[in-house]
C-alpha atoms as a PDB file:
ATOM      1  CA  MET A   1     -10.098 -38.350  13.510  1.00  0.00           C
ATOM      2  CA  SER A   2     -11.988 -38.967  10.282  1.00  0.00           C
ATOM      3  CA  PRO A   3     -10.975 -36.926   7.231  1.00  0.00           C
ATOM      4  CA  ALA A   4     -13.272 -34.080   6.216  1.00  0.00           C
ATOM      5  CA  PRO A   5     -15.931 -34.953   3.617  1.00  0.00           C
ATOM      6  CA  PRO A   6     -14.905 -34.079   0.038  1.00  0.00           C
ATOM      7  CA  ALA A   7     -17.594 -31.392  -0.187  1.00  0.00           C
ATOM      8  CA  ALA A   8     -16.269 -29.661   2.925  1.00  0.00           C
ATOM      9  CA  THR A   9     -12.707 -29.873   1.618  1.00  0.00           C
ATOM     10  CA  ASP A  10     -13.754 -28.408  -1.721  1.00  0.00           C
ATOM     11  CA  LYS A  11     -15.612 -25.564   0.007  1.00  0.00           C
ATOM     12  CA  ALA A  12     -12.635 -24.771   2.228  1.00  0.00           C
ATOM     13  CA  ALA A  13     -10.347 -24.714  -0.824  1.00  0.00           C
ATOM     14  CA  ALA A  14     -12.771 -22.445  -2.675  1.00  0.00           C
ATOM     15  CA  ASN A  15     -12.984 -20.075   0.296  1.00  0.00           C
ATOM     16  CA  LYS A  16      -9.200 -19.924   0.547  1.00  0.00           C
ATOM     17  CA  ALA A  17      -8.933 -19.213  -3.180  1.00  0.00           C
ATOM     18  CA  GLU A  18     -11.422 -16.368  -2.790  1.00  0.00           C
ATOM     19  CA  ARG A  19      -9.492 -14.910   0.146  1.00  0.00           C
ATOM     20  CA  ASP A  20      -6.205 -15.184  -1.731  1.00  0.00           C
ATOM     21  CA  GLN A  21      -7.691 -13.412  -4.740  1.00  0.00           C
ATOM     22  CA  ALA A  22      -9.121 -10.696  -2.512  1.00  0.00           C
ATOM     23  CA  ASP A  23      -5.666 -10.211  -0.977  1.00  0.00           C
ATOM     24  CA  ARG A  24      -4.090  -9.925  -4.433  1.00  0.00           C
ATOM     25  CA  ASP A  25      -6.703  -7.409  -5.522  1.00  0.00           C
ATOM     26  CA  ALA A  26      -6.153  -5.330  -2.382  1.00  0.00           C
ATOM     27  CA  VAL A  27      -2.376  -5.320  -2.874  1.00  0.00           C
ATOM     28  CA  ALA A  28      -2.775  -4.330  -6.532  1.00  0.00           C
ATOM     29  CA  ALA A  29      -5.047  -1.451  -5.546  1.00  0.00           C
ATOM     30  CA  ALA A  30      -2.619  -0.275  -2.857  1.00  0.00           C
ATOM     31  CA  ALA A  31       0.310  -0.526  -5.274  1.00  0.00           C
ATOM     32  CA  ARG A  32      -1.185   2.236  -7.384  1.00  0.00           C
ATOM     33  CA  LEU A  33      -0.696   4.602  -4.445  1.00  0.00           C
ATOM     34  CA  TYR A  34       2.906   3.595  -3.741  1.00  0.00           C
ATOM     35  CA  GLU A  35       5.820   5.118  -5.631  1.00  0.00           C
ATOM     36  CA  GLU A  36       8.504   2.738  -6.939  1.00  0.00           C
ATOM     37  CA  ARG A  37      12.056   3.694  -6.009  1.00  0.00           C
ATOM     38  CA  SER A  38      15.441   2.031  -5.624  1.00  0.00           C
ATOM     39  CA  VAL A  39      18.789   2.332  -3.866  1.00  0.00           C
ATOM     40  CA  ARG A  40      22.171   0.707  -4.395  1.00  0.00           C
ATOM     41  CA  VAL A  41      24.250  -0.974  -1.708  1.00  0.00           C
ATOM     42  CA  ASP A  42      27.552  -2.783  -1.816  1.00  0.00           C
ATOM     43  CA  GLU A  43      27.714  -6.574  -1.711  1.00  0.00           C
ATOM     44  CA  ARG A  44      31.166  -8.159  -1.835  1.00  0.00           C
ATOM     45  CA  GLY A  45      32.532  -5.131  -3.642  1.00  0.00           C
ATOM     46  CA  GLU A  46      29.758  -4.894  -6.229  1.00  0.00           C
ATOM     47  CA  PRO A  47      26.837  -2.429  -6.254  1.00  0.00           C
ATOM     48  CA  VAL A  48      23.444  -4.145  -6.028  1.00  0.00           C
ATOM     49  CA  GLU A  49      20.146  -2.413  -6.748  1.00  0.00           C
ATOM     50  CA  PHE A  50      17.322  -2.811  -4.243  1.00  0.00           C
ATOM     51  CA  ARG A  51      13.824  -1.626  -5.069  1.00  0.00           C
ATOM     52  CA  TYR A  52      11.403  -0.296  -2.514  1.00  0.00           C
ATOM     53  CA  ARG A  53       7.955   1.245  -2.307  1.00  0.00           C
ATOM     54  CA  LEU A  54       6.919   4.504  -0.669  1.00  0.00           C
ATOM     55  CA  LEU A  55       3.483   5.799   0.242  1.00  0.00           C
ATOM     56  CA  VAL A  56       3.487   9.589   0.460  1.00  0.00           C
ATOM     57  CA  PRO A  57       0.973  11.329   2.763  1.00  0.00           C
ATOM     58  CA  ASP A  58      -2.117  12.746   1.097  1.00  0.00           C
ATOM     59  CA  SER A  59      -1.463  16.507   1.160  1.00  0.00           C
ATOM     60  CA  THR A  60      -5.195  17.202   1.327  1.00  0.00           C
ATOM     61  CA  VAL A  61      -5.613  15.397   4.654  1.00  0.00           C
ATOM     62  CA  GLY A  62      -5.056  16.860   8.124  1.00  0.00           C
ATOM     63  CA  ASP A  63      -1.444  17.376   9.146  1.00  0.00           C
ATOM     64  CA  ALA A  64      -0.172  16.159   5.793  1.00  0.00           C
ATOM     65  CA  ALA A  65      -0.232  19.667   4.323  1.00  0.00           C
ATOM     66  CA  PRO A  66       2.636  20.344   1.886  1.00  0.00           C
ATOM     67  CA  SER A  67       4.518  22.444   4.453  1.00  0.00           C
ATOM     68  CA  ALA A  68       4.176  19.891   7.254  1.00  0.00           C
ATOM     69  CA  ARG A  69       6.534  17.095   8.178  1.00  0.00           C
ATOM     70  CA  SER A  70       4.916  13.701   8.552  1.00  0.00           C
ATOM     71  CA  PRO A  71       5.818  10.531  10.456  1.00  0.00           C
ATOM     72  CA  LEU A  72       7.217   7.495   8.665  1.00  0.00           C
ATOM     73  CA  VAL A  73       6.586   3.793   9.186  1.00  0.00           C
ATOM     74  CA  LEU A  74       9.373   1.440   8.102  1.00  0.00           C
ATOM     75  CA  PHE A  75       7.785  -1.972   7.494  1.00  0.00           C
ATOM     76  CA  LEU A  76       9.791  -5.193   7.230  1.00  0.00           C
ATOM     77  CA  HIS A  77       7.758  -7.971   5.604  1.00  0.00           C
ATOM     78  CA  GLY A  78       7.789 -11.703   6.271  1.00  0.00           C
ATOM     79  CA  ALA A  79       9.418 -14.577   4.411  1.00  0.00           C
ATOM     80  CA  GLY A  80       6.412 -15.193   2.185  1.00  0.00           C
ATOM     81  CA  GLU A  81       6.701 -11.760   0.602  1.00  0.00           C
ATOM     82  CA  ARG A  82      10.358 -11.986  -0.453  1.00  0.00           C
ATOM     83  CA  GLY A  83      11.285 -11.502  -4.088  1.00  0.00           C
ATOM     84  CA  SER A  84      12.142  -8.888  -6.691  1.00  0.00           C
ATOM     85  CA  ASP A  85       8.698  -7.865  -7.958  1.00  0.00           C
ATOM     86  CA  ASN A  86       8.507  -4.802  -5.659  1.00  0.00           C
ATOM     87  CA  LEU A  87       4.870  -5.731  -5.073  1.00  0.00           C
ATOM     88  CA  ALA A  88       4.322  -8.793  -2.856  1.00  0.00           C
ATOM     89  CA  HIS A  89       5.691  -7.030   0.226  1.00  0.00           C
ATOM     90  CA  LEU A  90       2.814  -4.538   0.159  1.00  0.00           C
ATOM     91  CA  LYS A  91       0.602  -7.258   1.644  1.00  0.00           C
ATOM     92  CA  TYR A  92      -0.772  -6.664   5.142  1.00  0.00           C
ATOM     93  CA  LEU A  93       0.256  -3.426   6.849  1.00  0.00           C
ATOM     94  CA  PRO A  94       1.293  -1.405   3.757  1.00  0.00           C
ATOM     95  CA  THR A  95      -2.032  -2.238   2.111  1.00  0.00           C
ATOM     96  CA  TRP A  96      -3.994  -1.498   5.274  1.00  0.00           C
ATOM     97  CA  LEU A  97      -2.269   1.859   5.822  1.00  0.00           C
ATOM     98  CA  ALA A  98      -3.128   2.828   2.237  1.00  0.00           C
ATOM     99  CA  ASP A  99      -6.850   2.527   2.992  1.00  0.00           C
ATOM    100  CA  PRO A 100      -8.538   5.960   2.755  1.00  0.00           C
ATOM    101  CA  ALA A 101      -9.768   5.826   6.351  1.00  0.00           C
ATOM    102  CA  ALA A 102      -6.302   4.924   7.620  1.00  0.00           C
ATOM    103  CA  ARG A 103      -4.711   7.723   5.591  1.00  0.00           C
ATOM    104  CA  ARG A 104      -7.121  10.215   7.119  1.00  0.00           C
ATOM    105  CA  ARG A 105      -6.507   8.949  10.653  1.00  0.00           C
ATOM    106  CA  HIS A 106      -2.731   8.653  10.359  1.00  0.00           C
ATOM    107  CA  PRO A 107      -1.232  10.654   7.472  1.00  0.00           C
ATOM    108  CA  CYS A 108       2.266   9.238   7.107  1.00  0.00           C
ATOM    109  CA  PHE A 109       4.979   7.939   4.847  1.00  0.00           C
ATOM    110  CA  VAL A 110       5.057   4.156   4.599  1.00  0.00           C
ATOM    111  CA  LEU A 111       8.398   2.715   3.520  1.00  0.00           C
ATOM    112  CA  ALA A 112       8.327  -0.901   2.344  1.00  0.00           C
ATOM    113  CA  PRO A 113      11.649  -2.383   1.190  1.00  0.00           C
ATOM    114  CA  GLN A 114      11.723  -5.900  -0.248  1.00  0.00           C
ATOM    115  CA  CYS A 115      14.119  -8.631   0.841  1.00  0.00           C
ATOM    116  CA  ARG A 116      15.473 -10.851  -1.944  1.00  0.00           C
ATOM    117  CA  ALA A 117      13.968 -14.290  -2.463  1.00  0.00           C
ATOM    118  CA  ASP A 118      16.896 -16.280  -1.096  1.00  0.00           C
ATOM    119  CA  LYS A 119      17.917 -13.864   1.673  1.00  0.00           C
ATOM    120  CA  ARG A 120      16.811 -12.807   5.156  1.00  0.00           C
ATOM    121  CA  TRP A 121      16.652  -9.576   7.104  1.00  0.00           C
ATOM    122  CA  VAL A 122      18.642 -11.405   9.801  1.00  0.00           C
ATOM    123  CA  ASP A 123      20.701 -14.506   9.040  1.00  0.00           C
ATOM    124  CA  VAL A 124      19.350 -16.730  11.816  1.00  0.00           C
ATOM    125  CA  SER A 125      16.971 -19.663  12.054  1.00  0.00           C
ATOM    126  CA  TRP A 126      13.387 -18.634  12.769  1.00  0.00           C
ATOM    127  CA  ALA A 127      12.415 -21.980  14.279  1.00  0.00           C
ATOM    128  CA  ASP A 128      15.127 -22.132  16.942  1.00  0.00           C
ATOM    129  CA  GLY A 129      13.993 -21.781  20.525  1.00  0.00           C
ATOM    130  CA  ALA A 130      17.255 -20.121  21.559  1.00  0.00           C
ATOM    131  CA  SER A 131      18.735 -16.941  20.151  1.00  0.00           C
ATOM    132  CA  THR A 132      21.898 -16.449  18.104  1.00  0.00           C
ATOM    133  CA  PRO A 133      24.345 -13.669  19.047  1.00  0.00           C
ATOM    134  CA  GLN A 134      23.797 -10.597  16.905  1.00  0.00           C
ATOM    135  CA  ALA A 135      26.191 -10.382  13.963  1.00  0.00           C
ATOM    136  CA  ALA A 136      28.721  -7.560  13.887  1.00  0.00           C
ATOM    137  CA  ALA A 137      27.062  -6.051  10.810  1.00  0.00           C
ATOM    138  CA  PRO A 138      23.522  -6.198   9.441  1.00  0.00           C
ATOM    139  CA  SER A 139      22.695  -8.434   6.502  1.00  0.00           C
ATOM    140  CA  VAL A 140      22.997  -6.825   3.074  1.00  0.00           C
ATOM    141  CA  ASP A 141      19.217  -6.774   2.714  1.00  0.00           C
ATOM    142  CA  LEU A 142      18.730  -5.078   6.076  1.00  0.00           C
ATOM    143  CA  ALA A 143      21.444  -2.584   5.152  1.00  0.00           C
ATOM    144  CA  ALA A 144      19.461  -1.916   1.974  1.00  0.00           C
ATOM    145  CA  ALA A 145      16.395  -1.140   4.092  1.00  0.00           C
ATOM    146  CA  VAL A 146      18.463   1.428   6.015  1.00  0.00           C
ATOM    147  CA  ALA A 147      19.730   2.861   2.716  1.00  0.00           C
ATOM    148  CA  ALA A 148      16.136   3.196   1.547  1.00  0.00           C
ATOM    149  CA  LEU A 149      15.282   5.017   4.780  1.00  0.00           C
ATOM    150  CA  ASP A 150      18.211   7.384   4.287  1.00  0.00           C
ATOM    151  CA  ASP A 151      17.109   7.974   0.688  1.00  0.00           C
ATOM    152  CA  VAL A 152      13.607   8.932   1.791  1.00  0.00           C
ATOM    153  CA  LEU A 153      14.878  11.194   4.564  1.00  0.00           C
ATOM    154  CA  ALA A 154      17.080  13.041   2.065  1.00  0.00           C
ATOM    155  CA  ARG A 155      14.196  13.631  -0.341  1.00  0.00           C
ATOM    156  CA  GLU A 156      11.007  13.950   1.695  1.00  0.00           C
ATOM    157  CA  ALA A 157       9.578  16.047   4.534  1.00  0.00           C
ATOM    158  CA  VAL A 158       9.754  13.364   7.210  1.00  0.00           C
ATOM    159  CA  ASP A 159       9.367  14.150  10.893  1.00  0.00           C
ATOM    160  CA  THR A 160      12.573  12.501  12.110  1.00  0.00           C
ATOM    161  CA  GLY A 161      11.248  12.445  15.656  1.00  0.00           C
ATOM    162  CA  ARG A 162       8.430  10.140  14.571  1.00  0.00           C
ATOM    163  CA  ILE A 163      10.025   7.271  12.642  1.00  0.00           C
ATOM    164  CA  TYR A 164       8.474   3.928  13.551  1.00  0.00           C
ATOM    165  CA  LEU A 165       9.869   0.448  12.904  1.00  0.00           C
ATOM    166  CA  THR A 166       7.730  -2.664  12.633  1.00  0.00           C
ATOM    167  CA  GLY A 167       7.796  -6.057  10.979  1.00  0.00           C
ATOM    168  CA  LEU A 168       6.181  -9.465  11.085  1.00  0.00           C
ATOM    169  CA  SER A 169       7.740 -12.923  11.353  1.00  0.00           C
ATOM    170  CA  MET A 170      11.040 -12.639   9.440  1.00  0.00           C
ATOM    171  CA  GLY A 171      10.416  -8.903   9.667  1.00  0.00           C
ATOM    172  CA  GLY A 172       9.896  -9.229  13.413  1.00  0.00           C
ATOM    173  CA  PHE A 173      13.446 -10.563  13.630  1.00  0.00           C
ATOM    174  CA  GLY A 174      14.562  -7.651  11.481  1.00  0.00           C
ATOM    175  CA  THR A 175      12.773  -5.199  13.767  1.00  0.00           C
ATOM    176  CA  TRP A 176      14.512  -6.436  16.918  1.00  0.00           C
ATOM    177  CA  ASP A 177      17.882  -6.544  15.130  1.00  0.00           C
ATOM    178  CA  LEU A 178      17.707  -3.099  13.526  1.00  0.00           C
ATOM    179  CA  ALA A 179      16.344  -1.451  16.671  1.00  0.00           C
ATOM    180  CA  ALA A 180      19.300  -2.773  18.663  1.00  0.00           C
ATOM    181  CA  ARG A 181      21.743  -1.473  16.047  1.00  0.00           C
ATOM    182  CA  MET A 182      20.342   2.062  15.868  1.00  0.00           C
ATOM    183  CA  PRO A 183      17.770   2.732  18.601  1.00  0.00           C
ATOM    184  CA  GLU A 184      18.373   6.460  18.323  1.00  0.00           C
ATOM    185  CA  ARG A 185      16.691   6.536  14.917  1.00  0.00           C
ATOM    186  CA  PHE A 186      13.277   5.297  16.001  1.00  0.00           C
ATOM    187  CA  ALA A 187      10.490   6.709  18.140  1.00  0.00           C
ATOM    188  CA  ALA A 188       8.951   3.273  18.757  1.00  0.00           C
ATOM    189  CA  ILE A 189       9.076  -0.309  17.546  1.00  0.00           C
ATOM    190  CA  LEU A 190       6.348  -2.890  17.007  1.00  0.00           C
ATOM    191  CA  PRO A 191       7.906  -6.348  16.514  1.00  0.00           C
ATOM    192  CA  VAL A 192       5.403  -9.073  15.639  1.00  0.00           C
ATOM    193  CA  CYS A 193       6.052 -12.833  16.072  1.00  0.00           C
ATOM    194  CA  GLY A 194       9.810 -12.549  15.723  1.00  0.00           C
ATOM    195  CA  GLY A 195      12.833 -12.868  17.965  1.00  0.00           C
ATOM    196  CA  GLY A 196      16.112 -11.190  18.763  1.00  0.00           C
ATOM    197  CA  ASP A 197      19.320 -11.416  20.739  1.00  0.00           C
ATOM    198  CA  GLU A 198      18.699 -10.927  24.450  1.00  0.00           C
ATOM    199  CA  ARG A 199      22.361  -9.989  24.908  1.00  0.00           C
ATOM    200  CA  VAL A 200      21.764  -6.607  23.242  1.00  0.00           C
ATOM    201  CA  ALA A 201      18.345  -5.936  24.783  1.00  0.00           C
ATOM    202  CA  GLY A 202      19.786  -3.136  26.893  1.00  0.00           C
ATOM    203  CA  ARG A 203      20.188  -1.021  23.778  1.00  0.00           C
ATOM    204  CA  ILE A 204      16.408  -1.066  23.312  1.00  0.00           C
ATOM    205  CA  ALA A 205      15.434  -0.489  26.950  1.00  0.00           C
ATOM    206  CA  ALA A 206      14.587   3.186  26.483  1.00  0.00           C
ATOM    207  CA  LEU A 207      12.687   2.620  23.237  1.00  0.00           C
ATOM    208  CA  PRO A 208       8.856   2.429  23.405  1.00  0.00           C
ATOM    209  CA  THR A 209       8.060  -1.153  22.402  1.00  0.00           C
ATOM    210  CA  TRP A 210       4.900  -3.163  21.859  1.00  0.00           C
ATOM    211  CA  CYS A 211       5.411  -6.806  20.913  1.00  0.00           C
ATOM    212  CA  PHE A 212       2.818  -9.337  19.700  1.00  0.00           C
ATOM    213  CA  HIS A 213       2.999 -13.127  19.468  1.00  0.00           C
ATOM    214  CA  GLY A 214       0.449 -15.953  19.344  1.00  0.00           C
ATOM    215  CA  ASP A 215       0.929 -18.642  21.969  1.00  0.00           C
ATOM    216  CA  ALA A 216       0.051 -21.338  19.389  1.00  0.00           C
ATOM    217  CA  ASP A 217       2.647 -20.170  16.848  1.00  0.00           C
ATOM    218  CA  LYS A 218       4.322 -23.197  15.238  1.00  0.00           C
ATOM    219  CA  ALA A 219       6.568 -21.221  12.874  1.00  0.00           C
ATOM    220  CA  VAL A 220       8.370 -18.986  15.372  1.00  0.00           C
ATOM    221  CA  PRO A 221       8.382 -20.197  18.992  1.00  0.00           C
ATOM    222  CA  VAL A 222       6.535 -17.825  21.305  1.00  0.00           C
ATOM    223  CA  ALA A 223       9.478 -18.229  23.677  1.00  0.00           C
ATOM    224  CA  ARG A 224      11.461 -15.926  21.379  1.00  0.00           C
ATOM    225  CA  SER A 225       9.226 -12.944  22.146  1.00  0.00           C
ATOM    226  CA  ARG A 226       8.888 -13.880  25.797  1.00  0.00           C
ATOM    227  CA  SER A 227      12.657 -13.951  26.276  1.00  0.00           C
ATOM    228  CA  MET A 228      13.208 -10.649  24.470  1.00  0.00           C
ATOM    229  CA  ILE A 229      10.552  -8.912  26.543  1.00  0.00           C
ATOM    230  CA  ALA A 230      12.034 -10.359  29.744  1.00  0.00           C
ATOM    231  CA  ALA A 231      15.510  -9.168  28.739  1.00  0.00           C
ATOM    232  CA  VAL A 232      14.310  -5.649  27.924  1.00  0.00           C
ATOM    233  CA  ARG A 233      12.505  -5.472  31.273  1.00  0.00           C
ATOM    234  CA  THR A 234      15.601  -6.712  33.095  1.00  0.00           C
ATOM    235  CA  ALA A 235      17.529  -3.898  31.384  1.00  0.00           C
ATOM    236  CA  GLY A 236      15.078  -1.358  32.803  1.00  0.00           C
ATOM    237  CA  GLY A 237      12.683  -1.042  29.880  1.00  0.00           C
ATOM    238  CA  GLN A 238       8.897  -1.038  30.058  1.00  0.00           C
ATOM    239  CA  PRO A 239       7.781  -2.809  26.864  1.00  0.00           C
ATOM    240  CA  ILE A 240       4.173  -3.809  26.271  1.00  0.00           C
ATOM    241  CA  TYR A 241       3.690  -7.470  25.453  1.00  0.00           C
ATOM    242  CA  SER A 242       0.500  -8.953  23.989  1.00  0.00           C
ATOM    243  CA  GLU A 243       0.521 -12.744  23.871  1.00  0.00           C
ATOM    244  CA  LEU A 244      -2.549 -13.929  21.970  1.00  0.00           C
ATOM    245  CA  PRO A 245      -4.219 -17.094  23.341  1.00  0.00           C
ATOM    246  CA  GLY A 246      -4.905 -19.773  20.729  1.00  0.00           C
ATOM    247  CA  VAL A 247      -3.441 -17.679  17.890  1.00  0.00           C
ATOM    248  CA  GLY A 248      -0.946 -19.289  15.532  1.00  0.00           C
ATOM    249  CA  HIS A 249       1.578 -17.546  13.345  1.00  0.00           C
ATOM    250  CA  ASP A 250      -0.790 -14.816  12.170  1.00  0.00           C
ATOM    251  CA  SER A 251      -0.557 -12.467  15.120  1.00  0.00           C
ATOM    252  CA  TRP A 252      -0.049  -9.497  12.795  1.00  0.00           C
ATOM    253  CA  THR A 253      -3.727  -9.181  11.923  1.00  0.00           C
ATOM    254  CA  SER A 254      -4.574  -8.679  15.602  1.00  0.00           C
ATOM    255  CA  ALA A 255      -1.711  -6.204  15.964  1.00  0.00           C
ATOM    256  CA  TYR A 256      -2.117  -4.097  12.856  1.00  0.00           C
ATOM    257  CA  ARG A 257      -5.913  -4.147  12.562  1.00  0.00           C
ATOM    258  CA  ASP A 258      -6.421  -2.823  16.085  1.00  0.00           C
ATOM    259  CA  PRO A 259      -6.903   0.976  15.886  1.00  0.00           C
ATOM    260  CA  PHE A 260      -5.713   1.350  19.473  1.00  0.00           C
ATOM    261  CA  VAL A 261      -2.347  -0.210  18.609  1.00  0.00           C
ATOM    262  CA  LEU A 262      -1.763   2.133  15.683  1.00  0.00           C
ATOM    263  CA  ASP A 263      -2.951   5.104  17.736  1.00  0.00           C
ATOM    264  CA  TRP A 264      -0.352   4.146  20.359  1.00  0.00           C
ATOM    265  CA  LEU A 265       2.355   3.883  17.721  1.00  0.00           C
ATOM    266  CA  PHE A 266       1.662   7.264  16.161  1.00  0.00           C
ATOM    267  CA  THR A 267       1.600   9.083  19.518  1.00  0.00           C
ATOM    268  CA  GLN A 268       5.214   8.085  20.257  1.00  0.00           C
ATOM    269  CA  ARG A 269       7.836  10.787  19.773  1.00  0.00           C
ATOM    270  CA  ARG A 270      11.582  10.736  20.165  1.00  0.00           C
END
């Protein structure tokens, strides 16, 4: 195949630069609506501070009146949003849920913890076709996400029967892992292009689940979602699985930008 003409390459680069800038602008705008908070967790005997972001429901909208309890979405970001800036991880779902129309349709808390740059929500390889047995304890960064959730529950009027867990890519792995560790805490999960340990799928069987993965994903094998869904079904669960034809790693846009998917999520109750 002949290489693309220079003009076409330059135009594609310019378009990507424009999209990247638009994404940065959208995240910056959303960040103004998110409170900055932090928690401390123990790592090898030393306290480590983890920062997180929280979107609080607009008290002027619908069920988000000051006296009402609102649902909470715990979002686990992907590898590209790791760091310590407490900002990059607002990309995608946290930014989209901060949109005025989304806040009117689904008034909720959005909890977005950030995984450190050199760490993972789950210490496994994302590219492997086969799963790794679940570790006895969660990673420190995933434990920090749970600590952030506990911090919010202690301070805010959260409807504990409507706590939802979702994540993309690295966060999809975190979603499967955390759901298996504490399924009783969540009303539903929405893992996107991740993978888990089929050996513990029975713990999730009773949990409403909708999983997304692109069949052309070259970063995380689609077999990882297929095998988890099969294992949950074998355990008696009835998960929904949407495999997207011709879609690569970005299956989260199809998942999170579909109003029907979010409507499904917010109707789930524990």
